[in-house]
Amino acid sequence: MDEVAEFLTNVEPPRRHAEAAELDALFRKVTGWQPRFYKGGMLGYGRYDYTYASGRSGSTFATGFAPRKAKLSIYIMPGYANFDPILARLGKHSKGKSCLYLNKLADADTDVLAELIRAGLQDLNGHWPVQPT
């Protein structure tokens, strides 16, 4: 069993397990990419390299999620654009600097979530070229 499959199999509690499987299917469909497992219990789709004005550089995933026990953390907003018009149609959520939090996946309209994933990737790709995984 590969790292991604093992991670998805072991997500707890059962409700979160089902939500993680649904999110994985959604991210695969929207991006067309296979996920990669990242330290800290995150699945990432696509990747990009960055170099900040400070000279700090690195690589990370372009979009993805982490099925945390308290909330789903969804990494789809790179922090460059205002996605409020899309977020207004998403459903119950909260947001951080570059992530979205859902108490449960049923709180969100998954068609709108798919639109948000695409918009986030398009915006990110305008700043740092996104590569498939």
C-alpha atoms as a PDB file:
ATOM      1  CA  MET A   1       0.000   0.000   0.000  1.00  0.00           C
ATOM      2  CA  ASP A   2       1.422   3.405  -0.903  1.00  0.00           C
ATOM      3  CA  GLU A   3       1.708   6.327   1.526  1.00  0.00           C
ATOM      4  CA  VAL A   4      -1.416   8.121   0.260  1.00  0.00           C
ATOM      5  CA  ALA A   5      -3.631   5.033   0.374  1.00  0.00           C
ATOM      6  CA  GLU A   6      -2.344   4.135   3.836  1.00  0.00           C
ATOM      7  CA  PHE A   7      -2.991   7.663   5.080  1.00  0.00           C
ATOM      8  CA  LEU A   8      -6.547   7.733   3.683  1.00  0.00           C
ATOM      9  CA  THR A   9      -7.285   4.297   5.126  1.00  0.00           C
ATOM     10  CA  ASN A  10      -6.249   5.399   8.615  1.00  0.00           C
ATOM     11  CA  VAL A  11      -8.097   8.736   8.840  1.00  0.00           C
ATOM     12  CA  GLU A  12     -10.210   8.839  12.007  1.00  0.00           C
ATOM     13  CA  PRO A  13     -12.991   9.196  13.073  1.00  0.00           C
ATOM     14  CA  PRO A  14     -15.146   7.341  10.496  1.00  0.00           C
ATOM     15  CA  ARG A  15     -16.944  10.535   9.385  1.00  0.00           C
ATOM     16  CA  ARG A  16     -13.599  12.225   8.679  1.00  0.00           C
ATOM     17  CA  HIS A  17     -12.456   9.083   6.837  1.00  0.00           C
ATOM     18  CA  ALA A  18     -15.411   9.355   4.444  1.00  0.00           C
ATOM     19  CA  GLU A  19     -14.860  13.107   3.992  1.00  0.00           C
ATOM     20  CA  ALA A  20     -11.159  12.575   3.231  1.00  0.00           C
ATOM     21  CA  ALA A  21     -12.027  10.022   0.549  1.00  0.00           C
ATOM     22  CA  GLU A  22     -14.573  12.424  -0.966  1.00  0.00           C
ATOM     23  CA  LEU A  23     -12.105  15.322  -0.926  1.00  0.00           C
ATOM     24  CA  ASP A  24      -9.394  13.165  -2.494  1.00  0.00           C
ATOM     25  CA  ALA A  25     -11.752  12.236  -5.321  1.00  0.00           C
ATOM     26  CA  LEU A  26     -12.729  15.893  -5.789  1.00  0.00           C
ATOM     27  CA  PHE A  27      -9.122  17.155  -5.868  1.00  0.00           C
ATOM     28  CA  ARG A  28      -8.085  14.385  -8.296  1.00  0.00           C
ATOM     29  CA  LYS A  29     -11.018  15.202 -10.594  1.00  0.00           C
ATOM     30  CA  VAL A  30     -10.486  18.990 -10.530  1.00  0.00           C
ATOM     31  CA  THR A  31      -6.690  18.939 -10.855  1.00  0.00           C
ATOM     32  CA  GLY A  32      -6.150  15.746 -12.826  1.00  0.00           C
ATOM     33  CA  TRP A  33      -3.162  15.039 -10.538  1.00  0.00           C
ATOM     34  CA  GLN A  34      -2.267  12.287  -8.126  1.00  0.00           C
ATOM     35  CA  PRO A  35      -1.785  13.338  -4.503  1.00  0.00           C
ATOM     36  CA  ARG A  36       1.420  13.241  -2.544  1.00  0.00           C
ATOM     37  CA  PHE A  37       1.540  12.723   1.206  1.00  0.00           C
ATOM     38  CA  TYR A  38       3.179  15.545   3.180  1.00  0.00           C
ATOM     39  CA  LYS A  39       4.438  15.584   6.739  1.00  0.00           C
ATOM     40  CA  GLY A  40       1.773  16.669   9.174  1.00  0.00           C
ATOM     41  CA  GLY A  41      -1.019  14.635   7.589  1.00  0.00           C
ATOM     42  CA  MET A  42      -1.595  16.663   4.422  1.00  0.00           C
ATOM     43  CA  LEU A  43      -2.332  15.516   0.887  1.00  0.00           C
ATOM     44  CA  GLY A  44      -1.019  17.829  -1.807  1.00  0.00           C
ATOM     45  CA  TYR A  45      -1.854  18.022  -5.499  1.00  0.00           C
ATOM     46  CA  GLY A  46       0.541  19.688  -7.896  1.00  0.00           C
ATOM     47  CA  ARG A  47       3.597  21.595  -6.743  1.00  0.00           C
ATOM     48  CA  TYR A  48       5.412  24.856  -7.237  1.00  0.00           C
ATOM     49  CA  ASP A  49       8.814  26.344  -6.522  1.00  0.00           C
ATOM     50  CA  TYR A  50       9.058  29.787  -4.973  1.00  0.00           C
ATOM     51  CA  THR A  51      11.707  32.360  -4.147  1.00  0.00           C
ATOM     52  CA  TYR A  52      10.702  35.293  -1.970  1.00  0.00           C
ATOM     53  CA  ALA A  53      12.271  38.759  -2.091  1.00  0.00           C
ATOM     54  CA  SER A  54      14.103  37.800   1.114  1.00  0.00           C
ATOM     55  CA  GLY A  55      15.901  35.071  -0.839  1.00  0.00           C
ATOM     56  CA  ARG A  56      14.070  32.254   0.955  1.00  0.00           C
ATOM     57  CA  SER A  57      13.081  29.555  -1.509  1.00  0.00           C
ATOM     58  CA  GLY A  58      11.501  26.145  -1.533  1.00  0.00           C
ATOM     59  CA  SER A  59       8.892  23.844  -3.044  1.00  0.00           C
ATOM     60  CA  THR A  60       5.479  22.913  -1.755  1.00  0.00           C
ATOM     61  CA  PHE A  61       2.151  21.560  -2.922  1.00  0.00           C
ATOM     62  CA  ALA A  62      -0.119  23.773  -5.002  1.00  0.00           C
ATOM     63  CA  THR A  63      -3.409  22.731  -3.426  1.00  0.00           C
ATOM     64  CA  GLY A  64      -4.565  20.087  -1.013  1.00  0.00           C
ATOM     65  CA  PHE A  65      -6.176  19.269   2.298  1.00  0.00           C
ATOM     66  CA  ALA A  66      -5.688  17.845   5.773  1.00  0.00           C
ATOM     67  CA  PRO A  67      -8.516  15.963   7.486  1.00  0.00           C
ATOM     68  CA  ARG A  68      -7.977  17.225  11.038  1.00  0.00           C
ATOM     69  CA  LYS A  69     -10.129  15.888  13.860  1.00  0.00           C
ATOM     70  CA  ALA A  70     -11.693  19.261  14.680  1.00  0.00           C
ATOM     71  CA  LYS A  71     -12.001  20.659  11.139  1.00  0.00           C
ATOM     72  CA  LEU A  72     -11.067  19.991   7.553  1.00  0.00           C
ATOM     73  CA  SER A  73      -8.194  22.242   6.496  1.00  0.00           C
ATOM     74  CA  ILE A  74      -8.310  22.924   2.782  1.00  0.00           C
ATOM     75  CA  TYR A  75      -5.365  24.640   1.129  1.00  0.00           C
ATOM     76  CA  ILE A  76      -6.709  26.340  -1.985  1.00  0.00           C
ATOM     77  CA  MET A  77      -6.207  30.057  -1.603  1.00  0.00           C
ATOM     78  CA  PRO A  78      -2.646  31.190  -2.203  1.00  0.00           C
ATOM     79  CA  GLY A  79      -3.360  34.554  -0.597  1.00  0.00           C
ATOM     80  CA  TYR A  80      -2.878  36.719  -3.685  1.00  0.00           C
ATOM     81  CA  ALA A  81      -6.453  37.216  -4.890  1.00  0.00           C
ATOM     82  CA  ASN A  82      -9.793  37.991  -3.298  1.00  0.00           C
ATOM     83  CA  PHE A  83     -12.059  34.967  -3.605  1.00  0.00           C
ATOM     84  CA  ASP A  84     -14.921  36.456  -1.560  1.00  0.00           C
ATOM     85  CA  PRO A  85     -17.474  36.204  -4.424  1.00  0.00           C
ATOM     86  CA  ILE A  86     -16.874  32.443  -4.643  1.00  0.00           C
ATOM     87  CA  LEU A  87     -16.639  32.003  -0.872  1.00  0.00           C
ATOM     88  CA  ALA A  88     -20.015  33.728  -0.468  1.00  0.00           C
ATOM     89  CA  ARG A  89     -21.585  30.789  -2.356  1.00  0.00           C
ATOM     90  CA  LEU A  90     -19.565  28.031  -0.661  1.00  0.00           C
ATOM     91  CA  GLY A  91     -21.516  27.501   2.538  1.00  0.00           C
ATOM     92  CA  LYS A  92     -20.484  27.540   6.186  1.00  0.00           C
ATOM     93  CA  HIS A  93     -16.719  27.976   6.516  1.00  0.00           C
ATOM     94  CA  SER A  94     -13.967  30.016   8.118  1.00  0.00           C
ATOM     95  CA  LYS A  95     -10.652  30.983   6.625  1.00  0.00           C
ATOM     96  CA  GLY A  96      -7.064  31.578   7.550  1.00  0.00           C
ATOM     97  CA  LYS A  97      -4.367  33.339   5.573  1.00  0.00           C
ATOM     98  CA  SER A  98      -4.127  30.686   2.873  1.00  0.00           C
ATOM     99  CA  CYS A  99      -6.525  27.961   3.933  1.00  0.00           C
ATOM    100  CA  LEU A 100     -10.175  27.277   4.377  1.00  0.00           C
ATOM    101  CA  TYR A 101     -11.712  25.471   7.344  1.00  0.00           C
ATOM    102  CA  LEU A 102     -14.863  23.370   7.259  1.00  0.00           C
ATOM    103  CA  ASN A 103     -16.420  21.749  10.318  1.00  0.00           C
ATOM    104  CA  LYS A 104     -17.815  19.117   7.987  1.00  0.00           C
ATOM    105  CA  LEU A 105     -17.801  18.671   4.226  1.00  0.00           C
ATOM    106  CA  ALA A 106     -21.609  18.647   4.122  1.00  0.00           C
ATOM    107  CA  ASP A 107     -21.486  22.351   5.105  1.00  0.00           C
ATOM    108  CA  ALA A 108     -19.996  23.217   1.701  1.00  0.00           C
ATOM    109  CA  ASP A 109     -21.312  23.113  -1.844  1.00  0.00           C
ATOM    110  CA  THR A 110     -18.754  20.812  -3.496  1.00  0.00           C
ATOM    111  CA  ASP A 111     -19.375  22.336  -6.953  1.00  0.00           C
ATOM    112  CA  VAL A 112     -18.401  25.724  -5.537  1.00  0.00           C
ATOM    113  CA  LEU A 113     -15.435  24.129  -3.768  1.00  0.00           C
ATOM    114  CA  ALA A 114     -14.289  22.718  -7.120  1.00  0.00           C
ATOM    115  CA  GLU A 115     -14.610  26.199  -8.643  1.00  0.00           C
ATOM    116  CA  LEU A 116     -12.537  27.610  -5.786  1.00  0.00           C
ATOM    117  CA  ILE A 117      -9.810  24.978  -6.255  1.00  0.00           C
ATOM    118  CA  ARG A 118      -9.572  25.862  -9.965  1.00  0.00           C
ATOM    119  CA  ALA A 119      -9.521  29.615  -9.234  1.00  0.00           C
ATOM    120  CA  GLY A 120      -6.838  29.185  -6.560  1.00  0.00           C
ATOM    121  CA  LEU A 121      -4.625  27.166  -8.904  1.00  0.00           C
ATOM    122  CA  GLN A 122      -5.063  29.668 -11.725  1.00  0.00           C
ATOM    123  CA  ASP A 123      -4.155  32.534  -9.408  1.00  0.00           C
ATOM    124  CA  LEU A 124      -1.146  30.694  -7.960  1.00  0.00           C
ATOM    125  CA  ASN A 125       0.080  29.779 -11.449  1.00  0.00           C
ATOM    126  CA  GLY A 126       0.146  33.498 -12.281  1.00  0.00           C
ATOM    127  CA  HIS A 127       2.750  33.998  -9.533  1.00  0.00           C
ATOM    128  CA  TRP A 128       4.662  30.723  -9.502  1.00  0.00           C
ATOM    129  CA  PRO A 129       4.409  28.086 -12.268  1.00  0.00           C
ATOM    130  CA  VAL A 130       2.413  25.116 -11.030  1.00  0.00           C
ATOM    131  CA  GLN A 131       3.591  21.652 -12.028  1.00  0.00           C
ATOM    132  CA  PRO A 132       1.632  18.406 -11.915  1.00  0.00           C
ATOM    133  CA  THR A 133       2.354  15.646  -9.412  1.00  0.00           C
END
